[in-house]
Protein backbone atom coordinates (compact mmCIF):
# COMPACT_ATOMS: atom_id res chain seq x y z
CA MET A 1 179.37 -47.63 257.86
CA THR A 2 176.53 -49.81 259.14
CA SER A 3 176.25 -47.96 262.44
CA LEU A 4 175.88 -44.67 260.60
CA TRP A 5 173.14 -46.08 258.39
CA LEU A 6 171.20 -47.44 261.37
CA ASN A 7 170.97 -43.96 262.87
CA ASN A 8 168.91 -42.82 259.92
CA ARG A 9 165.42 -44.24 259.68
CA ARG A 10 165.11 -43.40 256.00
CA VAL A 11 168.29 -45.22 255.17
CA MET A 12 167.07 -48.15 257.27
CA CYS A 13 164.30 -48.46 254.72
CA PHE A 14 166.97 -48.45 252.04
CA LEU A 15 168.79 -51.22 253.89
CA GLY A 16 165.59 -53.21 253.71
CA LEU A 17 165.77 -52.88 249.95
CA LEU A 18 169.13 -54.66 250.06
CA LEU A 19 167.48 -57.80 251.38
CA PRO A 20 165.99 -60.49 249.13
CA GLY A 21 162.29 -61.16 249.00
CA ASN A 22 161.15 -57.66 248.09
CA CYS A 23 160.91 -58.24 244.36
CA LEU A 24 157.74 -58.71 242.37
CA LEU A 25 156.51 -62.17 241.61
CA ALA A 26 157.87 -63.56 238.37
CA GLN A 27 154.45 -63.69 236.74
CA ASP A 28 153.85 -59.98 237.42
CA GLN A 29 154.28 -57.63 234.45
CA ALA A 30 154.48 -54.49 236.57
CA PRO A 31 157.58 -52.27 236.76
CA CYS A 32 160.02 -52.71 239.64
CA ASP A 33 158.79 -49.33 240.91
CA LYS A 34 155.51 -50.36 242.51
CA ASN A 35 154.30 -46.74 242.33
CA ALA A 36 155.04 -46.28 238.64
CA THR A 37 152.69 -43.96 236.78
CA PRO A 38 149.91 -45.65 234.77
CA GLN A 39 151.61 -44.78 231.47
CA THR A 40 154.95 -46.16 232.70
CA ALA A 41 153.35 -49.39 233.88
CA ALA A 42 151.53 -49.68 230.56
CA LEU A 43 154.78 -49.22 228.64
CA CYS A 44 156.43 -52.00 230.63
CA ARG A 45 153.53 -54.38 229.98
CA ASN A 46 153.11 -53.47 226.33
CA LEU A 47 156.81 -53.71 225.49
CA LYS A 48 156.68 -57.31 226.65
CA LYS A 49 153.86 -57.97 224.16
CA LEU A 50 155.46 -55.93 221.38
CA ALA A 51 158.63 -58.05 221.37
CA ALA A 52 156.59 -60.90 219.88
CA LYS A 53 155.99 -58.76 216.78
CA GLY A 54 159.48 -57.38 216.30
CA PHE A 55 162.05 -54.98 217.67
CA MET A 56 162.00 -51.20 217.74
CA PHE A 57 164.73 -49.26 215.98
CA GLY A 58 166.33 -46.44 217.96
CA HIS A 59 168.80 -43.63 217.31
CA GLN A 60 170.72 -41.41 219.73
CA ASP A 61 170.06 -37.64 219.52
CA ASP A 62 168.01 -38.22 216.38
CA LEU A 63 165.98 -34.99 216.47
CA ALA A 64 168.75 -32.68 217.65
CA TYR A 65 171.24 -33.00 214.81
CA GLY A 66 172.50 -35.14 211.96
CA VAL A 67 175.27 -35.19 209.40
CA ASN A 68 175.80 -31.57 208.28
CA TRP A 69 172.85 -30.06 210.18
CA ARG A 70 171.95 -28.90 213.69
CA TYR A 71 168.62 -28.05 215.33
CA GLU A 72 166.36 -27.82 212.32
CA ASN A 73 162.75 -28.37 213.24
CA GLY A 74 161.36 -31.76 212.24
CA ARG A 75 164.61 -33.06 210.74
CA SER A 76 165.95 -36.55 211.25
CA ASP A 77 168.53 -38.42 209.20
CA VAL A 78 166.57 -41.61 209.78
CA LYS A 79 163.30 -40.06 208.60
CA GLU A 80 164.89 -38.55 205.51
CA VAL A 81 166.12 -41.99 204.45
CA ALA A 82 163.27 -44.26 205.56
CA GLY A 83 160.32 -41.87 205.57
CA ASP A 84 159.68 -42.46 209.28
CA TYR A 85 161.20 -41.48 212.59
CA PRO A 86 162.89 -44.08 214.80
CA ALA A 87 160.66 -45.74 217.37
CA VAL A 88 163.15 -45.12 220.18
CA TYR A 89 164.89 -41.83 220.93
CA GLY A 90 168.09 -41.94 222.94
CA TRP A 91 169.20 -38.95 225.03
CA GLU A 92 172.00 -38.19 227.48
CA LEU A 93 172.01 -36.35 230.84
CA GLY A 94 175.77 -36.03 231.45
CA GLY A 95 176.41 -32.45 232.57
CA LEU A 96 173.07 -32.02 234.32
CA GLU A 97 174.64 -33.00 237.65
CA ALA A 98 177.06 -30.08 237.23
CA ASN A 99 174.26 -27.58 236.52
CA GLU A 100 175.35 -27.20 232.91
CA ASP A 101 172.94 -25.81 230.31
CA LYS A 102 174.04 -28.41 227.76
CA ASN A 103 174.89 -32.08 228.00
CA ILE A 104 178.31 -33.55 227.19
CA ASP A 105 177.35 -33.76 223.51
CA GLY A 106 176.35 -30.12 223.35
CA VAL A 107 172.56 -30.59 223.38
CA PRO A 108 170.80 -27.92 225.49
CA PHE A 109 168.62 -29.55 228.14
CA LYS A 110 165.83 -27.11 227.30
CA LYS A 111 165.80 -28.35 223.71
CA MET A 112 166.06 -31.94 224.87
CA ARG A 113 162.86 -31.56 226.89
CA GLN A 114 161.05 -30.36 223.78
CA PHE A 115 162.43 -33.17 221.62
CA ILE A 116 161.38 -35.73 224.23
CA LYS A 117 157.90 -34.24 224.33
CA GLU A 118 157.62 -34.39 220.53
CA GLY A 119 158.76 -37.99 220.32
CA TYR A 120 156.54 -39.15 223.16
CA GLU A 121 153.43 -37.41 221.85
CA ARG A 122 153.92 -39.10 218.47
CA GLY A 123 153.97 -42.47 220.24
CA GLY A 124 157.74 -43.02 220.40
CA VAL A 125 159.77 -44.40 223.29
CA ILE A 126 162.36 -42.43 225.26
CA THR A 127 165.57 -43.85 226.72
CA ILE A 128 168.12 -41.81 228.66
CA SER A 129 171.71 -42.56 229.68
CA TRP A 130 173.87 -40.63 232.15
CA HIS A 131 177.62 -40.08 231.68
CA ALA A 132 177.97 -38.49 235.11
CA ARG A 133 181.22 -36.73 235.90
CA SER A 134 183.50 -38.48 238.37
CA PRO A 135 183.27 -37.18 241.94
CA PHE A 136 187.10 -37.16 241.95
CA GLY A 137 187.98 -36.16 238.40
CA ALA A 138 185.64 -33.58 236.92
CA GLN A 139 188.05 -32.77 234.09
CA LYS A 140 187.98 -36.32 232.76
CA GLY A 141 184.24 -36.57 233.29
CA ALA A 142 182.80 -40.08 233.28
CA TRP A 143 186.09 -41.46 231.94
CA ASP A 144 188.06 -40.90 235.12
CA THR A 145 188.72 -44.38 236.49
CA THR A 146 190.12 -43.45 239.89
CA HIS A 147 189.52 -46.37 242.23
CA GLY A 148 187.26 -45.46 245.13
CA SER A 149 184.96 -43.07 243.24
CA VAL A 150 181.92 -45.27 243.83
CA ALA A 151 182.80 -45.92 247.46
CA SER A 152 183.03 -42.17 248.03
CA ILE A 153 179.42 -41.53 247.00
CA LEU A 154 177.77 -44.41 248.88
CA PRO A 155 176.03 -43.66 252.21
CA ALA A 156 178.66 -42.48 254.73
CA GLY A 157 181.13 -41.81 251.87
CA ILE A 158 182.91 -38.47 251.69
CA ASN A 159 181.05 -37.49 248.50
CA HIS A 160 177.64 -38.91 249.40
CA GLU A 161 176.00 -35.54 250.01
CA LEU A 162 177.43 -34.27 246.72
CA PHE A 163 176.02 -37.30 244.93
CA LYS A 164 172.56 -36.65 246.35
CA THR A 165 172.65 -33.15 244.85
CA TRP A 166 173.37 -34.80 241.49
CA LEU A 167 170.35 -37.04 241.90
CA ASP A 168 168.28 -33.99 242.88
CA GLU A 169 169.04 -32.46 239.49
CA LEU A 170 168.12 -35.68 237.70
CA ALA A 171 164.87 -35.87 239.62
CA LYS A 172 163.95 -32.31 238.61
CA PHE A 173 164.59 -33.17 234.98
CA PHE A 174 162.62 -36.42 235.01
CA LEU A 175 159.70 -34.76 236.79
CA SER A 176 159.73 -31.92 234.24
CA LEU A 177 159.13 -34.31 231.33
CA LYS A 178 155.42 -34.01 230.60
CA ASN A 179 153.14 -34.12 227.60
CA SER A 180 150.58 -31.48 226.63
CA LYS A 181 148.12 -32.96 229.14
CA GLY A 182 150.61 -32.60 231.97
CA GLU A 183 151.18 -36.36 232.23
CA PRO A 184 154.70 -37.55 233.13
CA THR A 185 156.66 -39.01 230.22
CA PRO A 186 157.83 -42.62 230.76
CA VAL A 187 161.59 -43.07 230.35
CA LEU A 188 163.81 -46.13 230.02
CA PHE A 189 166.57 -44.95 232.38
CA ARG A 190 169.99 -46.53 231.75
CA PRO A 191 172.30 -45.38 234.56
CA PHE A 192 175.92 -46.52 234.80
CA HIS A 193 175.88 -48.11 231.37
CA GLU A 194 178.57 -50.49 230.15
CA LEU A 195 179.16 -51.24 233.82
CA THR A 196 181.34 -54.28 233.10
CA GLY A 197 183.84 -52.26 231.08
CA ASN A 198 186.96 -50.61 232.46
CA TRP A 199 186.61 -47.09 231.04
CA PHE A 200 184.13 -45.41 233.43
CA TRP A 201 184.49 -44.59 237.14
CA TRP A 202 181.71 -47.07 237.93
CA GLY A 203 183.38 -49.86 235.93
CA ARG A 204 184.69 -53.20 237.14
CA ASN A 205 188.25 -51.93 237.63
CA ALA A 206 187.14 -49.03 239.83
CA CYS A 207 184.69 -50.63 242.26
CA THR A 208 183.69 -54.02 243.61
CA PRO A 209 180.50 -55.83 242.53
CA GLU A 210 179.02 -55.20 245.97
CA GLN A 211 179.75 -51.48 245.80
CA PHE A 212 178.15 -51.23 242.39
CA LYS A 213 175.03 -53.06 243.56
CA VAL A 214 174.63 -50.69 246.51
CA LEU A 215 175.15 -47.71 244.19
CA TYR A 216 172.46 -48.86 241.76
CA ARG A 217 170.05 -49.69 244.58
CA PHE A 218 170.63 -46.35 246.26
CA VAL A 219 169.92 -44.45 243.03
CA LYS A 220 166.60 -46.21 242.57
CA TYR A 221 165.72 -45.82 246.25
CA TYR A 222 166.54 -42.12 246.27
CA LEU A 223 164.71 -41.30 243.04
CA THR A 224 161.59 -43.30 243.85
CA GLU A 225 161.27 -43.05 247.62
CA VAL A 226 162.82 -39.66 248.38
CA LYS A 227 162.21 -37.65 245.20
CA LYS A 228 159.00 -39.46 244.16
CA VAL A 229 160.07 -39.99 240.56
CA HIS A 230 157.75 -42.67 239.22
CA ASN A 231 158.02 -42.36 235.44
CA LEU A 232 161.15 -44.51 235.03
CA LEU A 233 161.79 -48.06 233.91
CA TYR A 234 165.27 -49.15 235.03
CA VAL A 235 167.72 -50.64 232.52
CA TYR A 236 170.71 -52.77 233.58
CA ASN A 237 173.35 -52.41 230.88
CA THR A 238 176.69 -54.16 230.42
CA SER A 239 179.34 -53.95 227.75
CA ALA A 240 179.79 -56.80 225.26
CA ASP A 241 182.47 -58.60 227.24
CA PHE A 242 180.41 -61.32 228.92
CA LYS A 243 180.64 -64.97 227.93
CA THR A 244 178.37 -66.49 230.58
CA LYS A 245 175.24 -65.58 232.49
CA ALA A 246 177.33 -65.43 235.66
CA GLU A 247 179.59 -62.77 234.13
CA PHE A 248 176.60 -60.73 232.97
CA LEU A 249 174.96 -60.91 236.41
CA GLU A 250 178.05 -60.40 238.58
CA ARG A 251 177.02 -56.80 239.34
CA TYR A 252 173.26 -57.25 238.89
CA PRO A 253 171.50 -55.31 241.69
CA GLY A 254 168.44 -57.57 241.93
CA ASP A 255 165.17 -58.29 240.18
CA ASP A 256 163.43 -55.65 242.30
CA MET A 257 165.73 -52.98 240.85
CA VAL A 258 165.60 -53.76 237.13
CA ASP A 259 162.96 -53.75 234.39
CA MET A 260 165.18 -54.41 231.39
CA ILE A 261 168.49 -56.19 230.87
CA SER A 262 170.70 -55.11 227.97
CA PHE A 263 174.20 -54.78 226.60
CA ASP A 264 176.13 -52.54 224.21
CA THR A 265 178.03 -53.98 221.26
CA TYR A 266 179.70 -52.35 218.27
CA GLN A 267 181.09 -53.59 214.97
CA TYR A 268 184.81 -52.84 214.70
CA ASP A 269 186.11 -55.39 212.20
CA ASP A 270 185.26 -55.76 208.50
CA PRO A 271 182.03 -57.80 208.10
CA ALA A 272 183.18 -58.77 204.60
CA LYS A 273 186.04 -60.68 206.23
CA SER A 274 184.62 -61.68 209.59
CA ASP A 275 181.29 -62.89 210.95
CA TRP A 276 182.37 -62.34 214.57
CA PHE A 277 179.77 -59.62 215.23
CA ILE A 278 176.89 -61.78 214.00
CA LYS A 279 177.99 -64.86 215.93
CA ASN A 280 178.95 -63.12 219.16
CA THR A 281 175.88 -60.88 219.27
CA GLY A 282 173.61 -63.84 218.55
CA PHE A 283 175.29 -65.88 221.29
CA GLN A 284 174.94 -63.09 223.83
CA LEU A 285 171.31 -62.51 222.89
CA GLY A 286 170.74 -66.20 223.56
CA LEU A 287 172.09 -65.74 227.08
CA LEU A 288 169.91 -62.66 227.47
CA ASP A 289 166.87 -64.68 226.36
CA GLU A 290 167.51 -67.25 229.07
CA MET A 291 168.00 -64.66 231.81
CA ALA A 292 164.96 -62.67 230.72
CA ALA A 293 162.81 -65.80 230.87
CA GLU A 294 164.14 -66.68 234.31
CA LYS A 295 163.68 -63.17 235.68
CA ASN A 296 160.73 -61.98 233.59
CA LYS A 297 162.60 -58.96 232.21
CA LEU A 298 162.58 -56.98 228.98
CA THR A 299 165.71 -57.09 226.80
CA ALA A 300 167.52 -54.78 224.38
CA ILE A 301 170.71 -54.00 222.54
CA ALA A 302 170.96 -50.57 224.13
CA GLU A 303 173.80 -49.35 221.88
CA THR A 304 175.28 -50.65 218.68
CA GLY A 305 176.49 -49.55 215.28
CA TYR A 306 179.27 -49.52 212.73
CA GLU A 307 180.93 -46.13 212.48
CA GLN A 308 180.40 -44.54 209.05
CA ILE A 309 178.65 -47.80 207.95
CA PRO A 310 181.12 -48.53 205.12
CA PHE A 311 179.58 -51.97 204.47
CA ALA A 312 176.69 -51.33 202.04
CA THR A 313 174.42 -54.11 203.30
CA TRP A 314 175.28 -53.93 207.00
CA TRP A 315 171.65 -53.50 208.07
CA THR A 316 170.19 -56.62 206.47
CA ASP A 317 173.29 -58.82 206.17
CA VAL A 318 174.82 -58.10 209.57
CA LEU A 319 172.61 -56.37 212.16
CA SER A 320 169.39 -58.13 211.18
CA LYS A 321 171.11 -61.51 211.08
CA ALA A 322 172.78 -60.89 214.44
CA ILE A 323 169.40 -60.25 216.06
CA GLY A 324 167.77 -63.13 214.24
CA GLN A 325 164.69 -64.48 216.02
CA HIS A 326 165.64 -63.15 219.45
CA ARG A 327 162.78 -61.19 220.99
CA ILE A 328 164.34 -57.93 222.08
CA SER A 329 162.46 -54.71 222.74
CA TYR A 330 164.78 -52.48 220.76
CA VAL A 331 168.15 -51.91 219.16
CA LEU A 332 169.62 -48.40 219.19
CA VAL A 333 172.46 -47.07 217.04
CA TRP A 334 174.65 -44.23 218.25
CA ARG A 335 174.51 -40.61 217.21
CA ASN A 336 175.08 -38.87 213.86
CA HIS A 337 177.57 -36.27 214.96
CA GLY A 338 179.00 -35.67 211.50
CA TYR A 339 182.60 -34.51 211.36
CA ASN A 340 184.15 -34.81 214.80
CA GLU A 341 186.90 -32.24 215.26
CA TRP A 342 188.35 -34.01 218.29
CA MET A 343 188.46 -37.37 216.50
CA LYS A 344 189.43 -35.78 213.17
CA LYS A 345 186.98 -37.96 211.28
CA MET A 346 183.31 -38.46 210.41
CA HIS A 347 181.38 -39.90 213.34
CA TYR A 348 177.91 -41.29 212.58
CA TYR A 349 176.00 -44.57 212.90
CA ALA A 350 172.73 -44.13 211.00
CA PRO A 351 172.57 -43.50 207.25
CA TYR A 352 171.75 -40.13 205.74
CA LYS A 353 170.68 -39.27 202.19
CA GLY A 354 173.37 -40.46 199.79
CA GLN A 355 175.25 -42.57 202.35
CA THR A 356 176.59 -45.96 201.22
CA SER A 357 174.09 -48.06 203.15
CA GLU A 358 171.00 -45.94 202.38
CA ALA A 359 169.33 -48.46 200.06
CA ASP A 360 169.93 -51.34 202.45
CA PHE A 361 168.55 -49.35 205.37
CA ILE A 362 165.31 -48.91 203.42
CA LYS A 363 165.16 -52.71 203.03
CA PHE A 364 165.81 -53.02 206.76
CA TYR A 365 162.98 -50.57 207.42
CA GLN A 366 160.63 -52.62 205.21
CA GLN A 367 161.21 -55.85 207.12
CA GLU A 368 158.17 -57.02 209.07
CA ASN A 369 160.08 -57.34 212.33
CA THR A 370 161.63 -53.85 212.34
CA LEU A 371 159.44 -51.31 214.09
CA PHE A 372 159.70 -47.57 213.58
CA GLU A 373 157.64 -44.75 215.05
CA GLN A 374 154.53 -45.17 212.90
CA ASP A 375 154.48 -48.86 213.75
CA VAL A 376 154.66 -48.39 217.51
CA ALA A 377 152.23 -45.46 217.49
CA LYS A 378 149.59 -47.92 216.30
CA GLU A 379 150.37 -50.17 219.25
CA LYS A 380 149.40 -47.46 221.77
CA LEU A 381 152.19 -48.44 224.14
CA TYR A 382 151.03 -46.06 226.86
CA SER A 383 147.43 -47.22 227.02
CA TYR A 384 146.37 -49.06 230.13
């Protein structure tokens, strides 16, 4: 493989990125992309400051649909309960690599662009994940765990050229995200999320730590150096299965590749009978605090939630207590799909009007350390 790489001058530059010593100095507040747009650099710097005031609340697909509604202009389950939009909007690009018109959750990419523009122009923050289909198992999508999928798309791999066409589509999308002034929209990009789990083709059971690191580094290299995409902040995201800093960092691609470190964690047991979620989340946030201080990185709980939120005071008695005094940039709950035909049940993570936890969510919204869209708009996160 090495001999093939050395025959390509461009990839030689990429090899240079694999060596230590190329990262920014710890005291620098700039993004890991040294050519980041002014607004993207400002977001990185200002999010660091904002964490001292509180954490932003986010919701996946918030503007696209909610419980019992789809694509109604201006609607948001969060806004209808709290009177304000979330500060962070989560979106998904799975399907884009296959030239689909809609993502894996059925959201048309054309509509997504408009929703992103609306949220950004109001002062909100955009984060995007990517459930890319497996290069070996398109039918199973991201959930095909065939060993060797990652190896096949690395330089000199049999699917490497295919993978570059996927990244070409992502680059087109990211470069198309602009406000009314034509300025690129900054995005917290969260590729290969929950990378320490065993349910995706990029997970720990399907590739080695070294292969994953090269994959992550190649993606950033290709997007920034080849496609000239400079409106991204890069988010390293694990599942909630780490117990030590070493476990969290086993597949970490390097400080010069990452702007934010994060993990996903969900409530599955009954909080009336167990405080596991509070204790475990707090413990893991403590580890994140230490690593963020050592590496000068932003932090977040990139996904969380309690499906159907059956515990009436989950927001203030569980989630808020789990976060405690930890200075994270944001916490994002998953989408409000409503009734899921495939699952044969209701599937939502934020309250809607009349939902059991509605009153408690309003109390959560009123806390000084919870930041919604109107709060962050005042902070002018994109000013430099």
